[in-house]
Amino acid sequence: MVNKLIPAMWVRLVILIIFGIFMYKEGLPWLAGFTVVLIALTIWQLITAYKQR
């Protein structure tokens, strides 16, 4: 099951990075900061998924 989620987590990570950069450029640094938290969560989930593979 974990193997099926790994590609989706990579896609989510890329989308979050693009969204965070866009929000920062639009003048919403607080939302970009929240995106950093979500990016960190996604990275932690990726690490955990690769360990359980």
PDB file of N, CA and C in Angstrom:
ATOM      1  N   MET A   1       0.819  -1.201   0.000  1.00  0.00           N
ATOM      2  CA  MET A   1       0.000   0.000   0.000  1.00  0.00           C
ATOM      3  C   MET A   1       0.859   1.259   0.000  1.00  0.00           C
ATOM      4  N   VAL A   2       1.943   1.224   0.763  1.00  0.00           N
ATOM      5  CA  VAL A   2       2.812   2.401   0.860  1.00  0.00           C
ATOM      6  C   VAL A   2       3.437   2.725  -0.490  1.00  0.00           C
ATOM      7  N   ASN A   3       3.772   1.692  -1.255  1.00  0.00           N
ATOM      8  CA  ASN A   3       4.389   1.916  -2.566  1.00  0.00           C
ATOM      9  C   ASN A   3       3.486   2.709  -3.499  1.00  0.00           C
ATOM     10  N   LYS A   4       2.189   2.560  -3.343  1.00  0.00           N
ATOM     11  CA  LYS A   4       1.252   3.284  -4.201  1.00  0.00           C
ATOM     12  C   LYS A   4       1.147   4.762  -3.817  1.00  0.00           C
ATOM     13  N   LEU A   5       1.458   5.079  -2.570  1.00  0.00           N
ATOM     14  CA  LEU A   5       1.329   6.459  -2.102  1.00  0.00           C
ATOM     15  C   LEU A   5       2.571   7.312  -2.369  1.00  0.00           C
ATOM     16  N   ILE A   6       3.717   6.683  -2.550  1.00  0.00           N
ATOM     17  CA  ILE A   6       4.958   7.432  -2.720  1.00  0.00           C
ATOM     18  C   ILE A   6       4.913   8.383  -3.918  1.00  0.00           C
ATOM     19  N   PRO A   7       4.475   7.971  -5.096  1.00  0.00           N
ATOM     20  CA  PRO A   7       4.415   8.930  -6.207  1.00  0.00           C
ATOM     21  C   PRO A   7       3.477  10.117  -5.923  1.00  0.00           C
ATOM     22  N   ALA A   8       2.380   9.856  -5.259  1.00  0.00           N
ATOM     23  CA  ALA A   8       1.448  10.940  -4.926  1.00  0.00           C
ATOM     24  C   ALA A   8       2.083  11.927  -3.957  1.00  0.00           C
ATOM     25  N   MET A   9       2.890  11.424  -3.034  1.00  0.00           N
ATOM     26  CA  MET A   9       3.569  12.319  -2.092  1.00  0.00           C
ATOM     27  C   MET A   9       4.608  13.182  -2.801  1.00  0.00           C
ATOM     28  N   TRP A  10       5.288  12.618  -3.799  1.00  0.00           N
ATOM     29  CA  TRP A  10       6.247  13.409  -4.576  1.00  0.00           C
ATOM     30  C   TRP A  10       5.527  14.514  -5.356  1.00  0.00           C
ATOM     31  N   VAL A  11       4.383  14.183  -5.932  1.00  0.00           N
ATOM     32  CA  VAL A  11       3.602  15.192  -6.656  1.00  0.00           C
ATOM     33  C   VAL A  11       3.139  16.280  -5.696  1.00  0.00           C
ATOM     34  N   ARG A  12       2.668  15.885  -4.517  1.00  0.00           N
ATOM     35  CA  ARG A  12       2.228  16.859  -3.524  1.00  0.00           C
ATOM     36  C   ARG A  12       3.375  17.772  -3.106  1.00  0.00           C
ATOM     37  N   LEU A  13       4.573  17.195  -2.959  1.00  0.00           N
ATOM     38  CA  LEU A  13       5.732  17.996  -2.571  1.00  0.00           C
ATOM     39  C   LEU A  13       6.059  19.044  -3.629  1.00  0.00           C
ATOM     40  N   VAL A  14       6.042  18.654  -4.883  1.00  0.00           N
ATOM     41  CA  VAL A  14       6.325  19.599  -5.973  1.00  0.00           C
ATOM     42  C   VAL A  14       5.270  20.706  -6.010  1.00  0.00           C
ATOM     43  N   ILE A  15       4.012  20.329  -5.878  1.00  0.00           N
ATOM     44  CA  ILE A  15       2.933  21.324  -5.906  1.00  0.00           C
ATOM     45  C   ILE A  15       3.051  22.281  -4.722  1.00  0.00           C
ATOM     46  N   LEU A  16       3.383  21.770  -3.552  1.00  0.00           N
ATOM     47  CA  LEU A  16       3.541  22.632  -2.380  1.00  0.00           C
ATOM     48  C   LEU A  16       4.705  23.604  -2.549  1.00  0.00           C
ATOM     49  N   ILE A  17       5.799  23.154  -3.133  1.00  0.00           N
ATOM     50  CA  ILE A  17       6.936  24.043  -3.366  1.00  0.00           C
ATOM     51  C   ILE A  17       6.551  25.167  -4.323  1.00  0.00           C
ATOM     52  N   ILE A  18       5.878  24.816  -5.407  1.00  0.00           N
ATOM     53  CA  ILE A  18       5.444  25.833  -6.375  1.00  0.00           C
ATOM     54  C   ILE A  18       4.453  26.790  -5.730  1.00  0.00           C
ATOM     55  N   PHE A  19       3.522  26.271  -4.964  1.00  0.00           N
ATOM     56  CA  PHE A  19       2.528  27.102  -4.290  1.00  0.00           C
ATOM     57  C   PHE A  19       3.187  28.048  -3.289  1.00  0.00           C
ATOM     58  N   GLY A  20       4.154  27.538  -2.524  1.00  0.00           N
ATOM     59  CA  GLY A  20       4.848  28.368  -1.541  1.00  0.00           C
ATOM     60  C   GLY A  20       5.606  29.512  -2.196  1.00  0.00           C
ATOM     61  N   ILE A  21       6.294  29.228  -3.288  1.00  0.00           N
ATOM     62  CA  ILE A  21       7.016  30.272  -4.013  1.00  0.00           C
ATOM     63  C   ILE A  21       6.038  31.305  -4.558  1.00  0.00           C
ATOM     64  N   PHE A  22       4.934  30.851  -5.118  1.00  0.00           N
ATOM     65  CA  PHE A  22       3.928  31.759  -5.658  1.00  0.00           C
ATOM     66  C   PHE A  22       3.332  32.653  -4.567  1.00  0.00           C
ATOM     67  N   MET A  23       3.015  32.078  -3.434  1.00  0.00           N
ATOM     68  CA  MET A  23       2.435  32.871  -2.338  1.00  0.00           C
ATOM     69  C   MET A  23       3.436  33.900  -1.804  1.00  0.00           C
ATOM     70  N   TYR A  24       4.701  33.525  -1.737  1.00  0.00           N
ATOM     71  CA  TYR A  24       5.715  34.468  -1.278  1.00  0.00           C
ATOM     72  C   TYR A  24       5.850  35.632  -2.251  1.00  0.00           C
ATOM     73  N   LYS A  25       5.821  35.335  -3.550  1.00  0.00           N
ATOM     74  CA  LYS A  25       5.945  36.392  -4.556  1.00  0.00           C
ATOM     75  C   LYS A  25       4.702  37.278  -4.611  1.00  0.00           C
ATOM     76  N   GLU A  26       3.567  36.727  -4.223  1.00  0.00           N
ATOM     77  CA  GLU A  26       2.329  37.497  -4.212  1.00  0.00           C
ATOM     78  C   GLU A  26       2.195  38.375  -2.973  1.00  0.00           C
ATOM     79  N   GLY A  27       3.131  38.272  -2.065  1.00  0.00           N
ATOM     80  CA  GLY A  27       3.107  39.113  -0.877  1.00  0.00           C
ATOM     81  C   GLY A  27       2.371  38.509   0.300  1.00  0.00           C
ATOM     82  N   LEU A  28       2.286  37.199   0.353  1.00  0.00           N
ATOM     83  CA  LEU A  28       1.635  36.508   1.470  1.00  0.00           C
ATOM     84  C   LEU A  28       2.640  35.592   2.160  1.00  0.00           C
ATOM     85  N   PRO A  29       3.617  36.191   2.843  1.00  0.00           N
ATOM     86  CA  PRO A  29       4.661  35.345   3.448  1.00  0.00           C
ATOM     87  C   PRO A  29       4.137  34.437   4.555  1.00  0.00           C
ATOM     88  N   TRP A  30       3.064  34.818   5.229  1.00  0.00           N
ATOM     89  CA  TRP A  30       2.524  33.950   6.284  1.00  0.00           C
ATOM     90  C   TRP A  30       1.972  32.662   5.684  1.00  0.00           C
ATOM     91  N   LEU A  31       1.368  32.766   4.505  1.00  0.00           N
ATOM     92  CA  LEU A  31       0.853  31.568   3.848  1.00  0.00           C
ATOM     93  C   LEU A  31       2.002  30.728   3.301  1.00  0.00           C
ATOM     94  N   ALA A  32       3.053  31.391   2.839  1.00  0.00           N
ATOM     95  CA  ALA A  32       4.244  30.662   2.394  1.00  0.00           C
ATOM     96  C   ALA A  32       4.882  29.949   3.586  1.00  0.00           C
ATOM     97  N   GLY A  33       4.852  30.585   4.752  1.00  0.00           N
ATOM     98  CA  GLY A  33       5.376  29.947   5.956  1.00  0.00           C
ATOM     99  C   GLY A  33       4.584  28.709   6.343  1.00  0.00           C
ATOM    100  N   PHE A  34       3.276  28.786   6.212  1.00  0.00           N
ATOM    101  CA  PHE A  34       2.432  27.621   6.481  1.00  0.00           C
ATOM    102  C   PHE A  34       2.734  26.505   5.476  1.00  0.00           C
ATOM    103  N   THR A  35       3.036  26.893   4.241  1.00  0.00           N
ATOM    104  CA  THR A  35       3.385  25.916   3.218  1.00  0.00           C
ATOM    105  C   THR A  35       4.682  25.195   3.581  1.00  0.00           C
ATOM    106  N   VAL A  36       5.622  25.911   4.201  1.00  0.00           N
ATOM    107  CA  VAL A  36       6.871  25.279   4.642  1.00  0.00           C
ATOM    108  C   VAL A  36       6.573  24.182   5.658  1.00  0.00           C
ATOM    109  N   VAL A  37       5.615  24.426   6.534  1.00  0.00           N
ATOM    110  CA  VAL A  37       5.221  23.401   7.510  1.00  0.00           C
ATOM    111  C   VAL A  37       4.653  22.176   6.786  1.00  0.00           C
ATOM    112  N   LEU A  38       3.823  22.407   5.790  1.00  0.00           N
ATOM    113  CA  LEU A  38       3.256  21.293   5.026  1.00  0.00           C
ATOM    114  C   LEU A  38       4.328  20.548   4.231  1.00  0.00           C
ATOM    115  N   ILE A  39       5.314  21.286   3.725  1.00  0.00           N
ATOM    116  CA  ILE A  39       6.427  20.654   3.012  1.00  0.00           C
ATOM    117  C   ILE A  39       7.213  19.762   3.969  1.00  0.00           C
ATOM    118  N   ALA A  40       7.472  20.256   5.172  1.00  0.00           N
ATOM    119  CA  ALA A  40       8.193  19.458   6.162  1.00  0.00           C
ATOM    120  C   ALA A  40       7.412  18.185   6.512  1.00  0.00           C
ATOM    121  N   LEU A  41       6.110  18.315   6.653  1.00  0.00           N
ATOM    122  CA  LEU A  41       5.266  17.155   6.935  1.00  0.00           C
ATOM    123  C   LEU A  41       5.335  16.141   5.789  1.00  0.00           C
ATOM    124  N   THR A  42       5.299  16.617   4.567  1.00  0.00           N
ATOM    125  CA  THR A  42       5.357  15.732   3.404  1.00  0.00           C
ATOM    126  C   THR A  42       6.701  15.017   3.334  1.00  0.00           C
ATOM    127  N   ILE A  43       7.784  15.740   3.624  1.00  0.00           N
ATOM    128  CA  ILE A  43       9.108  15.114   3.620  1.00  0.00           C
ATOM    129  C   ILE A  43       9.182  14.029   4.689  1.00  0.00           C
ATOM    130  N   TRP A  44       8.637  14.313   5.869  1.00  0.00           N
ATOM    131  CA  TRP A  44       8.629  13.314   6.937  1.00  0.00           C
ATOM    132  C   TRP A  44       7.827  12.081   6.501  1.00  0.00           C
ATOM    133  N   GLN A  45       6.694  12.307   5.838  1.00  0.00           N
ATOM    134  CA  GLN A  45       5.887  11.181   5.360  1.00  0.00           C
ATOM    135  C   GLN A  45       6.622  10.379   4.298  1.00  0.00           C
ATOM    136  N   LEU A  46       7.365  11.060   3.420  1.00  0.00           N
ATOM    137  CA  LEU A  46       8.142  10.358   2.402  1.00  0.00           C
ATOM    138  C   LEU A  46       9.227   9.499   3.034  1.00  0.00           C
ATOM    139  N   ILE A  47       9.921  10.051   4.004  1.00  0.00           N
ATOM    140  CA  ILE A  47      10.974   9.285   4.679  1.00  0.00           C
ATOM    141  C   ILE A  47      10.379   8.050   5.348  1.00  0.00           C
ATOM    142  N   THR A  48       9.261   8.227   6.030  1.00  0.00           N
ATOM    143  CA  THR A  48       8.600   7.102   6.692  1.00  0.00           C
ATOM    144  C   THR A  48       8.131   6.059   5.671  1.00  0.00           C
ATOM    145  N   ALA A  49       7.601   6.505   4.547  1.00  0.00           N
ATOM    146  CA  ALA A  49       7.130   5.572   3.519  1.00  0.00           C
ATOM    147  C   ALA A  49       8.276   4.773   2.931  1.00  0.00           C
ATOM    148  N   TYR A  50       9.414   5.428   2.686  1.00  0.00           N
ATOM    149  CA  TYR A  50      10.549   4.686   2.148  1.00  0.00           C
ATOM    150  C   TYR A  50      11.108   3.693   3.142  1.00  0.00           C
ATOM    151  N   LYS A  51      11.040   4.007   4.425  1.00  0.00           N
ATOM    152  CA  LYS A  51      11.520   3.058   5.444  1.00  0.00           C
ATOM    153  C   LYS A  51      10.611   1.835   5.544  1.00  0.00           C
ATOM    154  N   GLN A  52       9.308   2.000   5.304  1.00  0.00           N
ATOM    155  CA  GLN A  52       8.346   0.894   5.420  1.00  0.00           C
ATOM    156  C   GLN A  52       8.211   0.075   4.148  1.00  0.00           C
ATOM    157  N   ARG A  53       8.866   0.492   3.102  1.00  0.00           N
ATOM    158  CA  ARG A  53       8.762  -0.175   1.819  1.00  0.00           C
ATOM    159  C   ARG A  53       9.237  -1.582   1.818  1.00  0.00           C
TER     160      ARG A  53
END
